[in-house]
């Protein structure tokens, strides 16, 4: 599996993957919190210290064929990752205010798990 330095490209691709028809998949955020990562069939993320590809301070994104031409992983600074997840979550809350409490709870847990201060 090759390692990409194009972290912005792959972070954006990952963010797109946890949305369906423009709607954030709340279960994807919940899975991030509960499992120190999240995954679909060909795209996943991990920040579990027990994973062999773990790097302190980073979230590892994985992409496999056919989602990409060649299998690739990208290391995303944990703050940038959290910032991107927070941004799409806040946009979703504006459209779906009823989910605010649940989603904000997941974001707080994710922030704590990633050890990111305010």
PDB file of N, CA and C in Angstrom:
ATOM      1  N   UNK A   1       0.859  -1.174   0.000  1.00  0.00           N
ATOM      2  CA  UNK A   1       0.000   0.000   0.000  1.00  0.00           C
ATOM      3  C   UNK A   1       0.901   1.230   0.000  1.00  0.00           C
ATOM      4  N   UNK A   2       0.629   2.140  -0.911  1.00  0.00           N
ATOM      5  CA  UNK A   2       1.467   3.342  -0.959  1.00  0.00           C
ATOM      6  C   UNK A   2       0.970   4.383   0.047  1.00  0.00           C
ATOM      7  N   UNK A   3       1.868   5.253   0.455  1.00  0.00           N
ATOM      8  CA  UNK A   3       1.543   6.336   1.384  1.00  0.00           C
ATOM      9  C   UNK A   3       1.505   7.628   0.586  1.00  0.00           C
ATOM     10  N   UNK A   4       0.410   8.365   0.749  1.00  0.00           N
ATOM     11  CA  UNK A   4       0.257   9.628   0.033  1.00  0.00           C
ATOM     12  C   UNK A   4       0.571  10.801   0.951  1.00  0.00           C
ATOM     13  N   UNK A   5       1.188  11.815   0.380  1.00  0.00           N
ATOM     14  CA  UNK A   5       1.413  13.066   1.104  1.00  0.00           C
ATOM     15  C   UNK A   5       0.318  14.082   0.822  1.00  0.00           C
ATOM     16  N   UNK A   6      -0.629  13.722  -0.037  1.00  0.00           N
ATOM     17  CA  UNK A   6      -1.726  14.617  -0.402  1.00  0.00           C
ATOM     18  C   UNK A   6      -2.854  14.478   0.623  1.00  0.00           C
ATOM     19  N   UNK A   7      -2.563  14.895   1.845  1.00  0.00           N
ATOM     20  CA  UNK A   7      -3.506  14.684   2.940  1.00  0.00           C
ATOM     21  C   UNK A   7      -4.830  15.407   2.728  1.00  0.00           C
ATOM     22  N   UNK A   8      -4.792  16.594   2.154  1.00  0.00           N
ATOM     23  CA  UNK A   8      -6.032  17.344   1.943  1.00  0.00           C
ATOM     24  C   UNK A   8      -6.974  16.592   0.997  1.00  0.00           C
ATOM     25  N   UNK A   9      -6.430  16.082  -0.084  1.00  0.00           N
ATOM     26  CA  UNK A   9      -7.242  15.337  -1.058  1.00  0.00           C
ATOM     27  C   UNK A   9      -7.929  14.140  -0.399  1.00  0.00           C
ATOM     28  N   UNK A  10      -7.160  13.368   0.345  1.00  0.00           N
ATOM     29  CA  UNK A  10      -7.720  12.160   0.940  1.00  0.00           C
ATOM     30  C   UNK A  10      -8.626  12.458   2.131  1.00  0.00           C
ATOM     31  N   UNK A  11      -8.353  13.515   2.860  1.00  0.00           N
ATOM     32  CA  UNK A  11      -9.265  13.910   3.929  1.00  0.00           C
ATOM     33  C   UNK A  11     -10.611  14.306   3.331  1.00  0.00           C
ATOM     34  N   UNK A  12     -10.588  15.091   2.261  1.00  0.00           N
ATOM     35  CA  UNK A  12     -11.842  15.477   1.606  1.00  0.00           C
ATOM     36  C   UNK A  12     -12.594  14.263   1.083  1.00  0.00           C
ATOM     37  N   UNK A  13     -11.877  13.326   0.502  1.00  0.00           N
ATOM     38  CA  UNK A  13     -12.490  12.107  -0.017  1.00  0.00           C
ATOM     39  C   UNK A  13     -13.126  11.306   1.124  1.00  0.00           C
ATOM     40  N   UNK A  14     -12.427  11.216   2.244  1.00  0.00           N
ATOM     41  CA  UNK A  14     -12.966  10.508   3.405  1.00  0.00           C
ATOM     42  C   UNK A  14     -14.242  11.193   3.906  1.00  0.00           C
ATOM     43  N   UNK A  15     -14.200  12.519   4.017  1.00  0.00           N
ATOM     44  CA  UNK A  15     -15.371  13.269   4.487  1.00  0.00           C
ATOM     45  C   UNK A  15     -16.563  13.011   3.565  1.00  0.00           C
ATOM     46  N   UNK A  16     -16.332  12.997   2.267  1.00  0.00           N
ATOM     47  CA  UNK A  16     -17.407  12.675   1.323  1.00  0.00           C
ATOM     48  C   UNK A  16     -17.952  11.272   1.578  1.00  0.00           C
ATOM     49  N   UNK A  17     -17.084  10.356   1.945  1.00  0.00           N
ATOM     50  CA  UNK A  17     -17.497   8.961   2.119  1.00  0.00           C
ATOM     51  C   UNK A  17     -18.404   8.744   3.328  1.00  0.00           C
ATOM     52  N   UNK A  18     -18.362   9.647   4.303  1.00  0.00           N
ATOM     53  CA  UNK A  18     -19.232   9.474   5.470  1.00  0.00           C
ATOM     54  C   UNK A  18     -20.515  10.288   5.341  1.00  0.00           C
ATOM     55  N   UNK A  19     -20.780  10.717   4.137  1.00  0.00           N
ATOM     56  CA  UNK A  19     -22.033  11.395   3.819  1.00  0.00           C
ATOM     57  C   UNK A  19     -22.736  10.596   2.721  1.00  0.00           C
ATOM     58  N   UNK A  20     -24.036  10.612   2.741  1.00  0.00           N
ATOM     59  CA  UNK A  20     -24.809   9.943   1.702  1.00  0.00           C
ATOM     60  C   UNK A  20     -25.804  10.950   1.161  1.00  0.00           C
ATOM     61  N   UNK A  21     -25.672  11.255  -0.106  1.00  0.00           N
ATOM     62  CA  UNK A  21     -26.515  12.259  -0.762  1.00  0.00           C
ATOM     63  C   UNK A  21     -26.522  13.560   0.036  1.00  0.00           C
ATOM     64  N   UNK A  22     -25.328  13.956   0.479  1.00  0.00           N
ATOM     65  CA  UNK A  22     -25.179  15.218   1.195  1.00  0.00           C
ATOM     66  C   UNK A  22     -25.569  15.183   2.660  1.00  0.00           C
ATOM     67  N   UNK A  23     -25.953  14.025   3.161  1.00  0.00           N
ATOM     68  CA  UNK A  23     -26.357  13.900   4.566  1.00  0.00           C
ATOM     69  C   UNK A  23     -25.286  13.151   5.351  1.00  0.00           C
ATOM     70  N   UNK A  24     -24.836  13.762   6.407  1.00  0.00           N
ATOM     71  CA  UNK A  24     -23.858  13.126   7.286  1.00  0.00           C
ATOM     72  C   UNK A  24     -24.458  11.853   7.869  1.00  0.00           C
ATOM     73  N   UNK A  25     -23.694  10.789   7.848  1.00  0.00           N
ATOM     74  CA  UNK A  25     -24.129   9.530   8.438  1.00  0.00           C
ATOM     75  C   UNK A  25     -23.720   9.527   9.914  1.00  0.00           C
ATOM     76  N   UNK A  26     -24.693   9.753  10.787  1.00  0.00           N
ATOM     77  CA  UNK A  26     -24.438   9.856  12.225  1.00  0.00           C
ATOM     78  C   UNK A  26     -23.752   8.589  12.744  1.00  0.00           C
ATOM     79  N   UNK A  27     -24.133   7.448  12.202  1.00  0.00           N
ATOM     80  CA  UNK A  27     -23.510   6.200  12.651  1.00  0.00           C
ATOM     81  C   UNK A  27     -22.011   6.170  12.370  1.00  0.00           C
ATOM     82  N   UNK A  28     -21.568   6.853  11.333  1.00  0.00           N
ATOM     83  CA  UNK A  28     -20.131   6.919  11.039  1.00  0.00           C
ATOM     84  C   UNK A  28     -19.400   7.665  12.154  1.00  0.00           C
ATOM     85  N   UNK A  29     -19.991   8.742  12.635  1.00  0.00           N
ATOM     86  CA  UNK A  29     -19.382   9.511  13.732  1.00  0.00           C
ATOM     87  C   UNK A  29     -19.399   8.674  15.015  1.00  0.00           C
ATOM     88  N   UNK A  30     -20.517   8.015  15.251  1.00  0.00           N
ATOM     89  CA  UNK A  30     -20.631   7.143  16.428  1.00  0.00           C
ATOM     90  C   UNK A  30     -19.577   6.034  16.372  1.00  0.00           C
ATOM     91  N   UNK A  31     -19.392   5.440  15.200  1.00  0.00           N
ATOM     92  CA  UNK A  31     -18.394   4.381  15.033  1.00  0.00           C
ATOM     93  C   UNK A  31     -16.978   4.911  15.274  1.00  0.00           C
ATOM     94  N   UNK A  32     -16.699   6.124  14.811  1.00  0.00           N
ATOM     95  CA  UNK A  32     -15.391   6.745  15.068  1.00  0.00           C
ATOM     96  C   UNK A  32     -15.105   6.778  16.564  1.00  0.00           C
ATOM     97  N   UNK A  33     -16.092   7.222  17.317  1.00  0.00           N
ATOM     98  CA  UNK A  33     -15.942   7.373  18.763  1.00  0.00           C
ATOM     99  C   UNK A  33     -15.787   6.015  19.444  1.00  0.00           C
ATOM    100  N   UNK A  34     -16.651   5.083  19.094  1.00  0.00           N
ATOM    101  CA  UNK A  34     -16.680   3.793  19.784  1.00  0.00           C
ATOM    102  C   UNK A  34     -15.530   2.861  19.417  1.00  0.00           C
ATOM    103  N   UNK A  35     -14.991   3.002  18.218  1.00  0.00           N
ATOM    104  CA  UNK A  35     -14.002   2.036  17.734  1.00  0.00           C
ATOM    105  C   UNK A  35     -12.635   2.629  17.407  1.00  0.00           C
ATOM    106  N   UNK A  36     -12.424   3.913  17.735  1.00  0.00           N
ATOM    107  CA  UNK A  36     -11.167   4.592  17.384  1.00  0.00           C
ATOM    108  C   UNK A  36     -10.888   4.457  15.891  1.00  0.00           C
ATOM    109  N   UNK A  37     -11.946   4.620  15.137  1.00  0.00           N
ATOM    110  CA  UNK A  37     -11.858   4.535  13.687  1.00  0.00           C
ATOM    111  C   UNK A  37     -13.210   4.180  13.113  1.00  0.00           C
ATOM    112  N   UNK A  38     -13.286   4.242  11.807  1.00  0.00           N
ATOM    113  CA  UNK A  38     -14.547   3.984  11.131  1.00  0.00           C
ATOM    114  C   UNK A  38     -14.226   3.419   9.769  1.00  0.00           C
ATOM    115  N   UNK A  39     -15.081   2.555   9.280  1.00  0.00           N
ATOM    116  CA  UNK A  39     -14.793   2.001   7.968  1.00  0.00           C
ATOM    117  C   UNK A  39     -16.012   1.576   7.201  1.00  0.00           C
ATOM    118  N   UNK A  40     -15.883   1.731   5.914  1.00  0.00           N
ATOM    119  CA  UNK A  40     -16.860   1.205   4.982  1.00  0.00           C
ATOM    120  C   UNK A  40     -16.115   0.161   4.152  1.00  0.00           C
ATOM    121  N   UNK A  41     -16.695  -0.248   3.067  1.00  0.00           N
ATOM    122  CA  UNK A  41     -16.111  -1.339   2.293  1.00  0.00           C
ATOM    123  C   UNK A  41     -14.703  -1.048   1.780  1.00  0.00           C
ATOM    124  N   UNK A  42     -14.474   0.136   1.216  1.00  0.00           N
ATOM    125  CA  UNK A  42     -13.182   0.432   0.598  1.00  0.00           C
ATOM    126  C   UNK A  42     -12.488   1.661   1.171  1.00  0.00           C
ATOM    127  N   UNK A  43     -13.094   2.272   2.186  1.00  0.00           N
ATOM    128  CA  UNK A  43     -12.531   3.489   2.780  1.00  0.00           C
ATOM    129  C   UNK A  43     -12.678   3.380   4.296  1.00  0.00           C
ATOM    130  N   UNK A  44     -11.595   3.632   5.020  1.00  0.00           N
ATOM    131  CA  UNK A  44     -11.699   3.575   6.475  1.00  0.00           C
ATOM    132  C   UNK A  44     -10.688   4.510   7.139  1.00  0.00           C
ATOM    133  N   UNK A  45     -10.856   4.659   8.445  1.00  0.00           N
ATOM    134  CA  UNK A  45      -9.962   5.505   9.235  1.00  0.00           C
ATOM    135  C   UNK A  45      -9.620   4.775  10.524  1.00  0.00           C
ATOM    136  N   UNK A  46      -8.496   5.153  11.117  1.00  0.00           N
ATOM    137  CA  UNK A  46      -8.112   4.570  12.396  1.00  0.00           C
ATOM    138  C   UNK A  46      -7.191   5.521  13.156  1.00  0.00           C
ATOM    139  N   UNK A  47      -7.402   5.542  14.462  1.00  0.00           N
ATOM    140  CA  UNK A  47      -6.474   6.238  15.355  1.00  0.00           C
ATOM    141  C   UNK A  47      -6.274   5.387  16.612  1.00  0.00           C
ATOM    142  N   UNK A  48      -6.337   4.084  16.400  1.00  0.00           N
ATOM    143  CA  UNK A  48      -6.166   3.119  17.480  1.00  0.00           C
ATOM    144  C   UNK A  48      -4.676   2.827  17.668  1.00  0.00           C
ATOM    145  N   UNK A  49      -4.131   3.085  18.859  1.00  0.00           N
ATOM    146  CA  UNK A  49      -2.705   2.845  19.099  1.00  0.00           C
ATOM    147  C   UNK A  49      -2.273   1.394  18.859  1.00  0.00           C
ATOM    148  N   UNK A  50      -3.216   0.472  18.859  1.00  0.00           N
ATOM    149  CA  UNK A  50      -2.869  -0.932  18.641  1.00  0.00           C
ATOM    150  C   UNK A  50      -2.750  -1.296  17.163  1.00  0.00           C
ATOM    151  N   UNK A  51      -3.159  -0.406  16.266  1.00  0.00           N
ATOM    152  CA  UNK A  51      -3.019  -0.669  14.834  1.00  0.00           C
ATOM    153  C   UNK A  51      -1.557  -0.550  14.421  1.00  0.00           C
ATOM    154  N   UNK A  52      -1.131  -1.417  13.525  1.00  0.00           N
ATOM    155  CA  UNK A  52       0.281  -1.419  13.114  1.00  0.00           C
ATOM    156  C   UNK A  52       0.690  -0.141  12.389  1.00  0.00           C
ATOM    157  N   UNK A  53      -0.252   0.553  11.752  1.00  0.00           N
ATOM    158  CA  UNK A  53       0.073   1.777  11.021  1.00  0.00           C
ATOM    159  C   UNK A  53      -0.100   3.039  11.862  1.00  0.00           C
ATOM    160  N   UNK A  54      -0.387   2.891  13.150  1.00  0.00           N
ATOM    161  CA  UNK A  54      -0.635   4.036  14.025  1.00  0.00           C
ATOM    162  C   UNK A  54       0.582   4.953  14.088  1.00  0.00           C
ATOM    163  N   UNK A  55       0.294   6.254  14.008  1.00  0.00           N
ATOM    164  CA  UNK A  55       1.315   7.287  14.232  1.00  0.00           C
ATOM    165  C   UNK A  55       0.753   8.266  15.255  1.00  0.00           C
ATOM    166  N   UNK A  56       1.514   8.529  16.278  1.00  0.00           N
ATOM    167  CA  UNK A  56       1.091   9.453  17.331  1.00  0.00           C
ATOM    168  C   UNK A  56       0.756  10.811  16.719  1.00  0.00           C
ATOM    169  N   UNK A  57      -0.426  11.332  17.060  1.00  0.00           N
ATOM    170  CA  UNK A  57      -0.833  12.653  16.586  1.00  0.00           C
ATOM    171  C   UNK A  57      -1.530  12.653  15.234  1.00  0.00           C
ATOM    172  N   UNK A  58      -1.748  11.465  14.672  1.00  0.00           N
ATOM    173  CA  UNK A  58      -2.349  11.374  13.339  1.00  0.00           C
ATOM    174  C   UNK A  58      -3.509  10.388  13.311  1.00  0.00           C
ATOM    175  N   UNK A  59      -4.384  10.601  12.347  1.00  0.00           N
ATOM    176  CA  UNK A  59      -5.430   9.644  12.003  1.00  0.00           C
ATOM    177  C   UNK A  59      -5.012   9.048  10.666  1.00  0.00           C
ATOM    178  N   UNK A  60      -5.054   7.742  10.579  1.00  0.00           N
ATOM    179  CA  UNK A  60      -4.687   7.065   9.338  1.00  0.00           C
ATOM    180  C   UNK A  60      -5.941   6.820   8.520  1.00  0.00           C
ATOM    181  N   UNK A  61      -5.915   7.262   7.269  1.00  0.00           N
ATOM    182  CA  UNK A  61      -7.011   7.000   6.340  1.00  0.00           C
ATOM    183  C   UNK A  61      -6.544   5.946   5.353  1.00  0.00           C
ATOM    184  N   UNK A  62      -7.413   4.978   5.092  1.00  0.00           N
ATOM    185  CA  UNK A  62      -7.106   3.885   4.164  1.00  0.00           C
ATOM    186  C   UNK A  62      -8.098   3.905   3.011  1.00  0.00           C
ATOM    187  N   UNK A  63      -7.582   3.682   1.817  1.00  0.00           N
ATOM    188  CA  UNK A  63      -8.410   3.616   0.612  1.00  0.00           C
ATOM    189  C   UNK A  63      -7.949   2.418  -0.213  1.00  0.00           C
ATOM    190  N   UNK A  64      -8.905   1.570  -0.579  1.00  0.00           N
ATOM    191  CA  UNK A  64      -8.588   0.391  -1.384  1.00  0.00           C
ATOM    192  C   UNK A  64      -9.338   0.436  -2.708  1.00  0.00           C
ATOM    193  N   UNK A  65      -8.791  -0.281  -3.683  1.00  0.00           N
ATOM    194  CA  UNK A  65      -9.485  -0.426  -4.963  1.00  0.00           C
ATOM    195  C   UNK A  65     -10.846  -1.060  -4.705  1.00  0.00           C
ATOM    196  N   UNK A  66     -11.880  -0.698  -5.365  1.00  0.00           N
ATOM    197  CA  UNK A  66     -12.000   0.200  -6.510  1.00  0.00           C
ATOM    198  C   UNK A  66     -12.271   1.662  -6.146  1.00  0.00           C
ATOM    199  N   UNK A  67     -12.217   2.018  -4.867  1.00  0.00           N
ATOM    200  CA  UNK A  67     -12.439   3.419  -4.488  1.00  0.00           C
ATOM    201  C   UNK A  67     -11.333   4.321  -5.026  1.00  0.00           C
ATOM    202  N   UNK A  68     -10.160   3.751  -5.213  1.00  0.00           N
ATOM    203  CA  UNK A  68      -9.003   4.457  -5.767  1.00  0.00           C
ATOM    204  C   UNK A  68      -8.315   3.535  -6.772  1.00  0.00           C
ATOM    205  N   UNK A  69      -7.440   4.117  -7.596  1.00  0.00           N
ATOM    206  CA  UNK A  69      -6.720   3.302  -8.589  1.00  0.00           C
ATOM    207  C   UNK A  69      -5.758   2.322  -7.936  1.00  0.00           C
ATOM    208  N   UNK A  70      -5.022   2.814  -6.937  1.00  0.00           N
ATOM    209  CA  UNK A  70      -4.069   1.976  -6.202  1.00  0.00           C
ATOM    210  C   UNK A  70      -4.362   2.124  -4.713  1.00  0.00           C
ATOM    211  N   UNK A  71      -4.207   1.043  -3.970  1.00  0.00           N
ATOM    212  CA  UNK A  71      -4.407   1.102  -2.526  1.00  0.00           C
ATOM    213  C   UNK A  71      -3.477   2.160  -1.933  1.00  0.00           C
ATOM    214  N   UNK A  72      -4.046   2.975  -1.051  1.00  0.00           N
ATOM    215  CA  UNK A  72      -3.273   4.090  -0.508  1.00  0.00           C
ATOM    216  C   UNK A  72      -3.687   4.373   0.933  1.00  0.00           C
ATOM    217  N   UNK A  73      -2.746   4.891   1.699  1.00  0.00           N
ATOM    218  CA  UNK A  73      -3.075   5.402   3.027  1.00  0.00           C
ATOM    219  C   UNK A  73      -2.497   6.807   3.158  1.00  0.00           C
ATOM    220  N   UNK A  74      -3.164   7.594   3.990  1.00  0.00           N
ATOM    221  CA  UNK A  74      -2.723   8.967   4.230  1.00  0.00           C
ATOM    222  C   UNK A  74      -2.785   9.223   5.731  1.00  0.00           C
ATOM    223  N   UNK A  75      -1.789   9.928   6.228  1.00  0.00           N
ATOM    224  CA  UNK A  75      -1.744  10.286   7.644  1.00  0.00           C
ATOM    225  C   UNK A  75      -2.194  11.739   7.778  1.00  0.00           C
ATOM    226  N   UNK A  76      -3.274  11.926   8.533  1.00  0.00           N
ATOM    227  CA  UNK A  76      -3.884  13.246   8.697  1.00  0.00           C
ATOM    228  C   UNK A  76      -3.653  13.713  10.127  1.00  0.00           C
ATOM    229  N   UNK A  77      -3.135  14.924  10.271  1.00  0.00           N
ATOM    230  CA  UNK A  77      -2.970  15.492  11.608  1.00  0.00           C
ATOM    231  C   UNK A  77      -4.306  15.398  12.342  1.00  0.00           C
ATOM    232  N   UNK A  78      -4.277  14.926  13.578  1.00  0.00           N
ATOM    233  CA  UNK A  78      -5.526  14.694  14.306  1.00  0.00           C
ATOM    234  C   UNK A  78      -6.354  15.968  14.474  1.00  0.00           C
ATOM    235  N   UNK A  79      -5.701  17.121  14.568  1.00  0.00           N
ATOM    236  CA  UNK A  79      -6.443  18.379  14.705  1.00  0.00           C
ATOM    237  C   UNK A  79      -7.169  18.733  13.405  1.00  0.00           C
ATOM    238  N   UNK A  80      -6.498  18.498  12.280  1.00  0.00           N
ATOM    239  CA  UNK A  80      -7.129  18.753  10.978  1.00  0.00           C
ATOM    240  C   UNK A  80      -8.301  17.802  10.756  1.00  0.00           C
ATOM    241  N   UNK A  81      -8.122  16.558  11.149  1.00  0.00           N
ATOM    242  CA  UNK A  81      -9.187  15.569  11.026  1.00  0.00           C
ATOM    243  C   UNK A  81     -10.391  16.001  11.856  1.00  0.00           C
ATOM    244  N   UNK A  82     -10.148  16.353  13.120  1.00  0.00           N
ATOM    245  CA  UNK A  82     -11.245  16.766  13.996  1.00  0.00           C
ATOM    246  C   UNK A  82     -11.918  18.029  13.469  1.00  0.00           C
ATOM    247  N   UNK A  83     -11.132  18.953  12.975  1.00  0.00           N
ATOM    248  CA  UNK A  83     -11.677  20.192  12.414  1.00  0.00           C
ATOM    249  C   UNK A  83     -12.631  19.882  11.253  1.00  0.00           C
ATOM    250  N   UNK A  84     -12.237  18.967  10.373  1.00  0.00           N
ATOM    251  CA  UNK A  84     -13.076  18.597   9.227  1.00  0.00           C
ATOM    252  C   UNK A  84     -14.355  17.898   9.681  1.00  0.00           C
ATOM    253  N   UNK A  85     -14.239  16.990  10.641  1.00  0.00           N
ATOM    254  CA  UNK A  85     -15.417  16.290  11.167  1.00  0.00           C
ATOM    255  C   UNK A  85     -16.345  17.288  11.860  1.00  0.00           C
ATOM    256  N   UNK A  86     -15.782  18.206  12.627  1.00  0.00           N
ATOM    257  CA  UNK A  86     -16.587  19.226  13.316  1.00  0.00           C
ATOM    258  C   UNK A  86     -17.330  20.104  12.323  1.00  0.00           C
ATOM    259  N   UNK A  87     -16.648  20.492  11.268  1.00  0.00           N
ATOM    260  CA  UNK A  87     -17.255  21.373  10.267  1.00  0.00           C
ATOM    261  C   UNK A  87     -18.475  20.720   9.619  1.00  0.00           C
ATOM    262  N   UNK A  88     -18.331  19.489   9.154  1.00  0.00           N
ATOM    263  CA  UNK A  88     -19.487  18.856   8.505  1.00  0.00           C
ATOM    264  C   UNK A  88     -20.583  18.548   9.516  1.00  0.00           C
ATOM    265  N   UNK A  89     -20.205  18.287  10.754  1.00  0.00           N
ATOM    266  CA  UNK A  89     -21.199  18.029  11.792  1.00  0.00           C
ATOM    267  C   UNK A  89     -22.012  19.284  12.083  1.00  0.00           C
ATOM    268  N   UNK A  90     -21.339  20.415  12.187  1.00  0.00           N
ATOM    269  CA  UNK A  90     -22.045  21.672  12.453  1.00  0.00           C
ATOM    270  C   UNK A  90     -22.954  22.056  11.293  1.00  0.00           C
ATOM    271  N   UNK A  91     -22.499  21.799  10.068  1.00  0.00           N
ATOM    272  CA  UNK A  91     -23.342  22.058   8.900  1.00  0.00           C
ATOM    273  C   UNK A  91     -24.583  21.172   8.934  1.00  0.00           C
ATOM    274  N   UNK A  92     -24.411  19.936   9.348  1.00  0.00           N
ATOM    275  CA  UNK A  92     -25.537  19.009   9.424  1.00  0.00           C
ATOM    276  C   UNK A  92     -26.506  19.432  10.524  1.00  0.00           C
ATOM    277  N   UNK A  93     -25.980  19.883  11.659  1.00  0.00           N
ATOM    278  CA  UNK A  93     -26.829  20.340  12.766  1.00  0.00           C
ATOM    279  C   UNK A  93     -27.703  21.512  12.321  1.00  0.00           C
ATOM    280  N   UNK A  94     -27.162  22.404  11.486  1.00  0.00           N
ATOM    281  CA  UNK A  94     -27.959  23.526  10.984  1.00  0.00           C
ATOM    282  C   UNK A  94     -29.162  23.036  10.184  1.00  0.00           C
ATOM    283  N   UNK A  95     -28.979  21.953   9.439  1.00  0.00           N
ATOM    284  CA  UNK A  95     -30.069  21.393   8.628  1.00  0.00           C
ATOM    285  C   UNK A  95     -31.000  20.512   9.454  1.00  0.00           C
ATOM    286  N   UNK A  96     -30.447  19.855  10.452  1.00  0.00           N
ATOM    287  CA  UNK A  96     -31.189  18.889  11.278  1.00  0.00           C
ATOM    288  C   UNK A  96     -30.979  19.187  12.762  1.00  0.00           C
ATOM    289  N   UNK A  97     -31.565  20.277  13.276  1.00  0.00           N
ATOM    290  CA  UNK A  97     -31.309  20.670  14.668  1.00  0.00           C
ATOM    291  C   UNK A  97     -31.715  19.619  15.707  1.00  0.00           C
ATOM    292  N   UNK A  98     -32.625  18.738  15.354  1.00  0.00           N
ATOM    293  CA  UNK A  98     -33.079  17.719  16.311  1.00  0.00           C
ATOM    294  C   UNK A  98     -31.950  16.768  16.727  1.00  0.00           C
ATOM    295  N   UNK A  99     -30.907  16.688  15.930  1.00  0.00           N
ATOM    296  CA  UNK A  99     -29.803  15.758  16.178  1.00  0.00           C
ATOM    297  C   UNK A  99     -28.657  16.429  16.947  1.00  0.00           C
ATOM    298  N   UNK A 100     -28.823  17.715  17.271  1.00  0.00           N
ATOM    299  CA  UNK A 100     -27.752  18.512  17.864  1.00  0.00           C
ATOM    300  C   UNK A 100     -27.144  17.882  19.117  1.00  0.00           C
ATOM    301  N   UNK A 101     -27.951  17.526  20.078  1.00  0.00           N
ATOM    302  CA  UNK A 101     -27.436  17.000  21.347  1.00  0.00           C
ATOM    303  C   UNK A 101     -26.632  15.722  21.128  1.00  0.00           C
ATOM    304  N   UNK A 102     -27.181  14.807  20.332  1.00  0.00           N
ATOM    305  CA  UNK A 102     -26.493  13.540  20.075  1.00  0.00           C
ATOM    306  C   UNK A 102     -25.163  13.769  19.357  1.00  0.00           C
ATOM    307  N   UNK A 103     -25.198  14.564  18.303  1.00  0.00           N
ATOM    308  CA  UNK A 103     -23.995  14.779  17.503  1.00  0.00           C
ATOM    309  C   UNK A 103     -22.935  15.563  18.274  1.00  0.00           C
ATOM    310  N   UNK A 104     -23.343  16.569  19.013  1.00  0.00           N
ATOM    311  CA  UNK A 104     -22.381  17.316  19.830  1.00  0.00           C
ATOM    312  C   UNK A 104     -21.747  16.421  20.894  1.00  0.00           C
ATOM    313  N   UNK A 105     -22.520  15.480  21.412  1.00  0.00           N
ATOM    314  CA  UNK A 105     -21.974  14.517  22.371  1.00  0.00           C
ATOM    315  C   UNK A 105     -20.885  13.658  21.743  1.00  0.00           C
ATOM    316  N   UNK A 106     -21.140  13.179  20.525  1.00  0.00           N
ATOM    317  CA  UNK A 106     -20.129  12.383  19.815  1.00  0.00           C
ATOM    318  C   UNK A 106     -18.880  13.213  19.527  1.00  0.00           C
ATOM    319  N   UNK A 107     -19.089  14.470  19.134  1.00  0.00           N
ATOM    320  CA  UNK A 107     -17.937  15.332  18.847  1.00  0.00           C
ATOM    321  C   UNK A 107     -17.081  15.545  20.096  1.00  0.00           C
ATOM    322  N   UNK A 108     -17.734  15.746  21.221  1.00  0.00           N
ATOM    323  CA  UNK A 108     -16.994  15.942  22.480  1.00  0.00           C
ATOM    324  C   UNK A 108     -16.204  14.680  22.829  1.00  0.00           C
ATOM    325  N   UNK A 109     -16.828  13.522  22.652  1.00  0.00           N
ATOM    326  CA  UNK A 109     -16.130  12.259  22.918  1.00  0.00           C
ATOM    327  C   UNK A 109     -14.950  12.079  21.969  1.00  0.00           C
ATOM    328  N   UNK A 110     -15.168  12.408  20.699  1.00  0.00           N
ATOM    329  CA  UNK A 110     -14.095  12.289  19.711  1.00  0.00           C
ATOM    330  C   UNK A 110     -12.942  13.226  20.059  1.00  0.00           C
ATOM    331  N   UNK A 111     -13.279  14.443  20.452  1.00  0.00           N
ATOM    332  CA  UNK A 111     -12.259  15.413  20.851  1.00  0.00           C
ATOM    333  C   UNK A 111     -11.443  14.876  22.031  1.00  0.00           C
ATOM    334  N   UNK A 112     -12.118  14.283  22.998  1.00  0.00           N
ATOM    335  CA  UNK A 112     -11.423  13.716  24.159  1.00  0.00           C
ATOM    336  C   UNK A 112     -10.550  12.528  23.764  1.00  0.00           C
ATOM    337  N   UNK A 113     -11.083  11.649  22.921  1.00  0.00           N
ATOM    338  CA  UNK A 113     -10.332  10.467  22.498  1.00  0.00           C
ATOM    339  C   UNK A 113      -9.081  10.858  21.722  1.00  0.00           C
ATOM    340  N   UNK A 114      -9.218  11.878  20.873  1.00  0.00           N
ATOM    341  CA  UNK A 114      -8.070  12.354  20.097  1.00  0.00           C
ATOM    342  C   UNK A 114      -7.134  13.226  20.939  1.00  0.00           C
ATOM    343  N   UNK A 115      -7.571  13.544  22.170  1.00  0.00           N
ATOM    344  CA  UNK A 115      -6.779  14.363  23.089  1.00  0.00           C
ATOM    345  C   UNK A 115      -6.496  15.744  22.498  1.00  0.00           C
ATOM    346  N   UNK A 116      -7.588  16.377  22.074  1.00  0.00           N
ATOM    347  CA  UNK A 116      -7.499  17.720  21.502  1.00  0.00           C
ATOM    348  C   UNK A 116      -8.160  18.685  22.474  1.00  0.00           C
ATOM    349  N   UNK A 117      -7.435  19.729  22.869  1.00  0.00           N
ATOM    350  CA  UNK A 117      -8.010  20.724  23.774  1.00  0.00           C
ATOM    351  C   UNK A 117      -8.724  21.799  22.960  1.00  0.00           C
ATOM    352  N   UNK A 118      -9.634  22.510  23.629  1.00  0.00           N
ATOM    353  CA  UNK A 118     -10.424  23.560  22.951  1.00  0.00           C
ATOM    354  C   UNK A 118      -9.575  24.635  22.384  1.00  0.00           C
TER     355      UNK A 118
END
